[in-house]
Amino acid sequence: MGSSSQGSAAVAAARVDLCALDFVPVFAKEMIAGGVAGAFSKTAIAPLERVKILLQVRAVLVPWYG
């Protein structure tokens, strides 16, 4: 009896929950992660870049400002 319970425990331990991402190659996962990081960084920095450009243009248009 002890061996059959150990055998069923081994079978249960061998079962692994598979996810859809388990079938995707590593390079594809890295490309997706890089794309998401790039999109996030562009989205986060865009307002700051706009303010920078506005300040640069204002300094040209109004010489005593900056």
Protein backbone atom coordinates (compact mmCIF):
# COMPACT_ATOMS: atom_id res chain seq x y z
CA MET A 1 0.00 0.00 0.00
CA GLY A 2 2.80 2.36 0.76
CA SER A 3 4.25 2.07 -2.74
CA SER A 4 0.94 2.82 -4.47
CA SER A 5 0.44 6.00 -2.46
CA GLN A 6 4.01 7.04 -3.24
CA GLY A 7 3.40 6.32 -6.91
CA SER A 8 0.27 8.45 -7.04
CA ALA A 9 2.11 11.24 -5.24
CA ALA A 10 4.86 11.08 -7.86
CA VAL A 11 2.30 11.28 -10.67
CA ALA A 12 0.61 14.26 -8.98
CA ALA A 13 3.97 15.98 -8.56
CA ALA A 14 4.79 15.37 -12.23
CA ARG A 15 1.68 17.25 -13.37
CA VAL A 16 2.51 20.82 -14.18
CA ASP A 17 0.06 23.60 -14.88
CA LEU A 18 0.83 24.92 -18.33
CA CYS A 19 0.23 28.49 -19.39
CA ALA A 20 -0.07 29.86 -22.91
CA LEU A 21 3.23 31.70 -22.39
CA ASP A 22 5.02 28.40 -21.79
CA PHE A 23 4.78 27.66 -25.52
CA VAL A 24 6.18 31.03 -26.64
CA PRO A 25 9.94 31.10 -27.39
CA VAL A 26 12.15 33.09 -25.04
CA PHE A 27 13.21 35.61 -27.69
CA ALA A 28 9.55 36.39 -28.40
CA LYS A 29 8.88 36.97 -24.70
CA GLU A 30 11.88 39.30 -24.54
CA MET A 31 10.69 41.21 -27.62
CA ILE A 32 7.22 41.62 -26.14
CA ALA A 33 8.67 42.77 -22.82
CA GLY A 34 10.93 45.26 -24.62
CA GLY A 35 8.02 46.62 -26.63
CA VAL A 36 5.89 47.09 -23.53
CA ALA A 37 8.77 48.80 -21.71
CA GLY A 38 9.41 51.10 -24.66
CA ALA A 39 5.75 52.05 -24.97
CA PHE A 40 5.52 52.75 -21.25
CA SER A 41 8.66 54.90 -21.24
CA LYS A 42 7.51 56.93 -24.26
CA THR A 43 4.13 57.47 -22.62
CA ALA A 44 5.69 58.54 -19.33
CA ILE A 45 8.25 60.92 -20.85
CA ALA A 46 6.07 62.55 -23.55
CA PRO A 47 4.50 65.19 -21.23
CA LEU A 48 7.93 66.17 -19.90
CA GLU A 49 9.31 66.53 -23.42
CA ARG A 50 6.37 68.74 -24.35
CA VAL A 51 7.04 71.05 -21.40
CA LYS A 52 10.73 71.19 -22.34
CA ILE A 53 9.93 72.20 -25.92
CA LEU A 54 7.40 74.81 -24.78
CA LEU A 55 10.00 76.35 -22.46
CA GLN A 56 12.60 76.41 -25.23
CA VAL A 57 10.20 78.12 -27.65
CA ARG A 58 9.07 80.61 -25.01
CA ALA A 59 12.70 81.52 -24.30
CA VAL A 60 13.17 82.33 -28.00
CA LEU A 61 9.95 84.32 -28.32
CA VAL A 62 10.34 86.24 -25.05
CA PRO A 63 14.08 87.05 -24.65
CA TRP A 64 13.79 88.41 -21.09
CA TYR A 65 12.05 85.20 -19.91
CA GLY A 66 14.95 82.85 -20.07
